[in-house]
């Protein structure tokens, strides 16, 4: 099965959500690309604002949501490649904070 990108169902937004300037080529990086969803990270070269853009292909069509973030591409890569946090990790952290 092909991904959203391969089906050509997604176009990178043309303008920055914050400053309105046109995005330059090379501003979008694909973080995750699965059969029915893709996550992009875009950075405006003009104002340095970053956006995480989620695109999901559903039965009714394509849903896309962009969120402004202060996380750069490097931050997202660290999170993506980091250790998965378990429920036990969260409980342990909570108990440590209560001490």
N, C-alpha and C. Protein backbone atom coordinates (compact mmCIF):
# COMPACT_ATOMS: atom_id res chain seq x y z
N UNK A 1 0.85 -1.19 0.00
CA UNK A 1 0.00 0.00 0.00
C UNK A 1 0.89 1.24 0.00
N UNK A 2 0.53 2.24 -0.75
CA UNK A 2 1.35 3.45 -0.84
C UNK A 2 0.98 4.45 0.25
N UNK A 3 1.91 5.35 0.53
CA UNK A 3 1.69 6.36 1.57
C UNK A 3 0.96 7.56 0.99
N UNK A 4 0.57 8.47 1.88
CA UNK A 4 -0.10 9.71 1.47
C UNK A 4 0.76 10.48 0.48
N UNK A 5 2.06 10.55 0.74
CA UNK A 5 2.96 11.28 -0.15
C UNK A 5 3.01 10.66 -1.54
N UNK A 6 3.08 9.34 -1.58
CA UNK A 6 3.15 8.65 -2.87
C UNK A 6 1.86 8.82 -3.67
N UNK A 7 0.74 8.95 -2.96
CA UNK A 7 -0.54 9.16 -3.64
C UNK A 7 -0.73 10.62 -4.04
N UNK A 8 0.22 11.48 -3.64
CA UNK A 8 0.19 12.91 -3.97
C UNK A 8 -1.07 13.59 -3.43
N UNK A 9 -1.46 13.21 -2.19
CA UNK A 9 -2.65 13.79 -1.58
C UNK A 9 -2.33 14.99 -0.70
N UNK A 10 -1.05 15.29 -0.53
CA UNK A 10 -0.67 16.36 0.38
C UNK A 10 0.25 17.35 -0.30
N UNK A 11 -0.04 18.59 -0.12
CA UNK A 11 0.83 19.66 -0.58
C UNK A 11 1.27 20.47 0.64
N UNK A 12 2.54 20.78 0.72
CA UNK A 12 3.05 21.60 1.82
C UNK A 12 2.38 22.97 1.75
N UNK A 13 1.96 23.51 2.91
CA UNK A 13 1.37 24.87 2.89
C UNK A 13 2.31 25.85 2.20
N UNK A 14 1.74 26.81 1.52
CA UNK A 14 2.55 27.76 0.76
C UNK A 14 3.07 28.91 1.60
N UNK A 15 2.36 29.23 2.70
CA UNK A 15 2.72 30.39 3.51
C UNK A 15 2.82 30.03 4.98
N UNK A 16 3.71 30.72 5.68
CA UNK A 16 3.90 30.54 7.12
C UNK A 16 2.62 30.91 7.86
N UNK A 17 2.25 30.09 8.85
CA UNK A 17 1.05 30.36 9.64
C UNK A 17 1.21 31.59 10.52
N UNK A 18 2.45 31.97 10.84
CA UNK A 18 2.68 33.11 11.73
C UNK A 18 2.91 34.42 10.97
N UNK A 19 3.89 34.44 10.06
CA UNK A 19 4.25 35.70 9.41
C UNK A 19 3.64 35.87 8.02
N UNK A 20 3.12 34.78 7.45
CA UNK A 20 2.47 34.86 6.15
C UNK A 20 3.42 34.86 4.95
N UNK A 21 4.73 34.80 5.20
CA UNK A 21 5.68 34.78 4.08
C UNK A 21 5.68 33.39 3.44
N UNK A 22 6.02 33.34 2.17
CA UNK A 22 6.04 32.07 1.45
C UNK A 22 7.16 31.19 1.99
N UNK A 23 6.84 29.91 2.13
CA UNK A 23 7.86 28.94 2.52
C UNK A 23 8.84 28.75 1.37
N UNK A 24 10.09 28.56 1.71
CA UNK A 24 11.12 28.28 0.72
C UNK A 24 11.19 26.78 0.49
N UNK A 25 11.77 26.39 -0.66
CA UNK A 25 12.00 24.97 -0.89
C UNK A 25 12.93 24.43 0.18
N UNK A 26 12.68 23.21 0.60
CA UNK A 26 13.53 22.57 1.59
C UNK A 26 13.14 22.87 3.02
N UNK A 27 12.03 23.54 3.25
CA UNK A 27 11.63 23.87 4.62
C UNK A 27 10.86 22.74 5.28
N UNK A 28 10.38 21.77 4.52
CA UNK A 28 9.57 20.67 5.07
C UNK A 28 10.39 19.40 5.16
N UNK A 29 10.30 18.75 6.33
CA UNK A 29 10.95 17.47 6.55
C UNK A 29 9.89 16.46 6.96
N UNK A 30 9.92 15.28 6.37
CA UNK A 30 8.99 14.22 6.75
C UNK A 30 9.55 13.52 7.98
N UNK A 31 8.75 13.49 9.06
CA UNK A 31 9.18 12.82 10.28
C UNK A 31 8.71 11.38 10.31
N UNK A 32 7.45 11.17 9.97
CA UNK A 32 6.86 9.83 9.95
C UNK A 32 5.97 9.74 8.73
N UNK A 33 6.05 8.63 8.02
CA UNK A 33 5.17 8.42 6.87
C UNK A 33 4.70 6.97 6.88
N UNK A 34 3.45 6.77 7.19
CA UNK A 34 2.84 5.45 7.21
C UNK A 34 1.81 5.38 6.09
N UNK A 35 1.10 4.26 6.00
CA UNK A 35 0.11 4.08 4.94
C UNK A 35 -0.94 5.19 4.92
N UNK A 36 -1.50 5.52 6.09
CA UNK A 36 -2.60 6.47 6.08
C UNK A 36 -2.33 7.76 6.86
N UNK A 37 -1.10 7.97 7.31
CA UNK A 37 -0.81 9.27 7.92
C UNK A 37 0.66 9.63 7.76
N UNK A 38 0.88 10.95 7.72
CA UNK A 38 2.23 11.49 7.59
C UNK A 38 2.35 12.68 8.53
N UNK A 39 3.52 12.82 9.14
CA UNK A 39 3.81 13.97 9.99
C UNK A 39 5.01 14.70 9.40
N UNK A 40 4.81 15.99 9.15
CA UNK A 40 5.84 16.86 8.61
C UNK A 40 6.26 17.88 9.65
N UNK A 41 7.49 18.35 9.55
CA UNK A 41 7.97 19.48 10.35
C UNK A 41 8.42 20.54 9.37
N UNK A 42 7.85 21.74 9.50
CA UNK A 42 8.20 22.85 8.63
C UNK A 42 8.80 23.98 9.46
N UNK A 43 9.81 24.64 8.93
CA UNK A 43 10.38 25.82 9.59
C UNK A 43 10.43 26.96 8.59
N UNK A 44 9.86 28.09 8.98
CA UNK A 44 9.88 29.28 8.14
C UNK A 44 11.28 29.91 8.22
N UNK A 45 11.91 30.07 7.07
CA UNK A 45 13.24 30.66 7.06
C UNK A 45 13.21 32.15 7.42
N UNK A 46 12.06 32.79 7.27
CA UNK A 46 11.94 34.21 7.56
C UNK A 46 11.82 34.49 9.06
N UNK A 47 10.84 33.86 9.73
CA UNK A 47 10.61 34.15 11.16
C UNK A 47 11.06 33.02 12.09
N UNK A 48 11.55 31.93 11.50
CA UNK A 48 12.04 30.76 12.26
C UNK A 48 10.96 30.04 13.07
N UNK A 49 9.69 30.27 12.74
CA UNK A 49 8.60 29.57 13.41
C UNK A 49 8.50 28.17 12.83
N UNK A 50 8.30 27.20 13.72
CA UNK A 50 8.16 25.81 13.28
C UNK A 50 6.72 25.36 13.41
N UNK A 51 6.34 24.44 12.55
CA UNK A 51 4.99 23.87 12.54
C UNK A 51 5.12 22.36 12.40
N UNK A 52 4.36 21.65 13.22
CA UNK A 52 4.22 20.21 13.04
C UNK A 52 2.89 20.02 12.33
N UNK A 53 2.93 19.34 11.20
CA UNK A 53 1.76 19.21 10.35
C UNK A 53 1.41 17.73 10.23
N UNK A 54 0.21 17.37 10.70
CA UNK A 54 -0.27 15.99 10.64
C UNK A 54 -1.26 15.86 9.49
N UNK A 55 -1.09 14.84 8.68
CA UNK A 55 -2.02 14.57 7.58
C UNK A 55 -2.49 13.13 7.72
N UNK A 56 -3.82 12.96 7.79
CA UNK A 56 -4.40 11.63 7.98
C UNK A 56 -5.37 11.36 6.84
N UNK A 57 -5.25 10.20 6.23
CA UNK A 57 -6.15 9.77 5.18
C UNK A 57 -7.20 8.85 5.79
N UNK A 58 -8.46 9.32 5.79
CA UNK A 58 -9.56 8.54 6.35
C UNK A 58 -10.55 8.13 5.28
N UNK A 59 -11.61 7.49 5.71
CA UNK A 59 -12.64 7.05 4.76
C UNK A 59 -13.33 8.22 4.08
N UNK A 60 -13.47 9.34 4.79
CA UNK A 60 -14.16 10.50 4.24
C UNK A 60 -13.24 11.45 3.48
N UNK A 61 -11.95 11.25 3.53
CA UNK A 61 -11.03 12.13 2.83
C UNK A 61 -9.77 12.38 3.64
N UNK A 62 -9.12 13.51 3.35
CA UNK A 62 -7.86 13.85 3.99
C UNK A 62 -8.10 14.91 5.06
N UNK A 63 -7.59 14.66 6.27
CA UNK A 63 -7.65 15.60 7.38
C UNK A 63 -6.23 16.08 7.64
N UNK A 64 -6.05 17.39 7.75
CA UNK A 64 -4.73 17.92 8.06
C UNK A 64 -4.83 18.95 9.17
N UNK A 65 -3.86 18.91 10.09
CA UNK A 65 -3.82 19.82 11.22
C UNK A 65 -2.40 20.32 11.39
N UNK A 66 -2.23 21.63 11.47
CA UNK A 66 -0.92 22.22 11.72
C UNK A 66 -0.89 22.85 13.09
N UNK A 67 0.21 22.65 13.82
CA UNK A 67 0.36 23.20 15.16
C UNK A 67 1.67 23.96 15.25
N UNK A 68 1.61 25.22 15.66
CA UNK A 68 2.84 25.99 15.88
C UNK A 68 3.60 25.38 17.05
N UNK A 69 4.91 25.35 16.97
CA UNK A 69 5.72 24.77 18.03
C UNK A 69 7.03 25.51 18.15
N UNK A 70 7.63 25.42 19.32
CA UNK A 70 8.98 25.96 19.48
C UNK A 70 10.02 24.86 19.33
N UNK A 71 9.55 23.64 19.04
CA UNK A 71 10.46 22.51 18.85
C UNK A 71 11.05 22.54 17.45
N UNK A 72 12.34 22.47 17.37
CA UNK A 72 13.01 22.40 16.08
C UNK A 72 13.05 20.97 15.58
N UNK A 73 13.52 20.78 14.38
CA UNK A 73 13.61 19.44 13.80
C UNK A 73 14.47 18.53 14.67
N UNK A 74 15.56 19.06 15.21
CA UNK A 74 16.45 18.26 16.05
C UNK A 74 15.73 17.77 17.30
N UNK A 75 14.88 18.63 17.90
CA UNK A 75 14.11 18.24 19.08
C UNK A 75 13.15 17.10 18.76
N UNK A 76 12.48 17.21 17.62
CA UNK A 76 11.53 16.18 17.21
C UNK A 76 12.25 14.86 16.96
N UNK A 77 13.42 14.92 16.33
CA UNK A 77 14.19 13.70 16.08
C UNK A 77 14.60 13.03 17.39
N UNK A 78 15.00 13.83 18.39
CA UNK A 78 15.37 13.27 19.69
C UNK A 78 14.18 12.56 20.32
N UNK A 79 13.00 13.18 20.26
CA UNK A 79 11.81 12.55 20.82
C UNK A 79 11.45 11.27 20.07
N UNK A 80 11.55 11.33 18.76
CA UNK A 80 11.21 10.18 17.92
C UNK A 80 12.13 8.99 18.20
N UNK A 81 13.39 9.26 18.44
CA UNK A 81 14.37 8.20 18.64
C UNK A 81 14.62 7.87 20.11
N UNK A 82 13.90 8.54 21.01
CA UNK A 82 14.11 8.35 22.44
C UNK A 82 13.43 7.12 22.99
N UNK A 83 13.66 6.90 24.28
CA UNK A 83 13.09 5.76 24.99
C UNK A 83 11.58 5.97 25.17
N UNK A 84 10.82 4.91 25.00
CA UNK A 84 9.38 4.95 25.23
C UNK A 84 9.14 4.94 26.73
N UNK A 85 8.28 5.85 27.19
CA UNK A 85 7.97 5.97 28.61
C UNK A 85 6.79 5.06 28.94
N UNK A 86 6.97 4.23 29.96
CA UNK A 86 5.92 3.29 30.36
C UNK A 86 5.08 3.91 31.49
N UNK A 87 3.98 3.26 31.79
CA UNK A 87 3.13 3.69 32.91
C UNK A 87 3.91 3.62 34.21
N UNK A 88 4.73 2.59 34.37
CA UNK A 88 5.55 2.46 35.57
C UNK A 88 6.53 3.62 35.71
N UNK A 89 7.09 4.09 34.60
CA UNK A 89 7.99 5.25 34.64
C UNK A 89 7.27 6.49 35.16
N UNK A 90 6.05 6.70 34.72
CA UNK A 90 5.26 7.85 35.14
C UNK A 90 4.94 7.76 36.64
N UNK A 91 4.54 6.58 37.10
CA UNK A 91 4.22 6.39 38.52
C UNK A 91 5.46 6.61 39.37
N UNK A 92 6.59 6.09 38.92
CA UNK A 92 7.85 6.26 39.65
C UNK A 92 8.23 7.74 39.74
N UNK A 93 8.09 8.48 38.66
CA UNK A 93 8.40 9.91 38.67
C UNK A 93 7.47 10.66 39.61
N UNK A 94 6.18 10.31 39.60
CA UNK A 94 5.21 10.94 40.50
C UNK A 94 5.58 10.69 41.95
N UNK A 95 5.93 9.46 42.27
CA UNK A 95 6.29 9.12 43.64
C UNK A 95 7.55 9.85 44.07
N UNK A 96 8.53 10.01 43.19
CA UNK A 96 9.75 10.75 43.50
C UNK A 96 9.45 12.23 43.76
N UNK A 97 8.52 12.80 42.99
CA UNK A 97 8.19 14.22 43.16
C UNK A 97 7.44 14.47 44.47
N UNK A 98 6.72 13.49 44.96
CA UNK A 98 5.97 13.64 46.21
C UNK A 98 6.87 13.61 47.43
N UNK A 99 8.08 13.06 47.30
CA UNK A 99 9.01 12.95 48.44
C UNK A 99 9.52 14.29 48.87
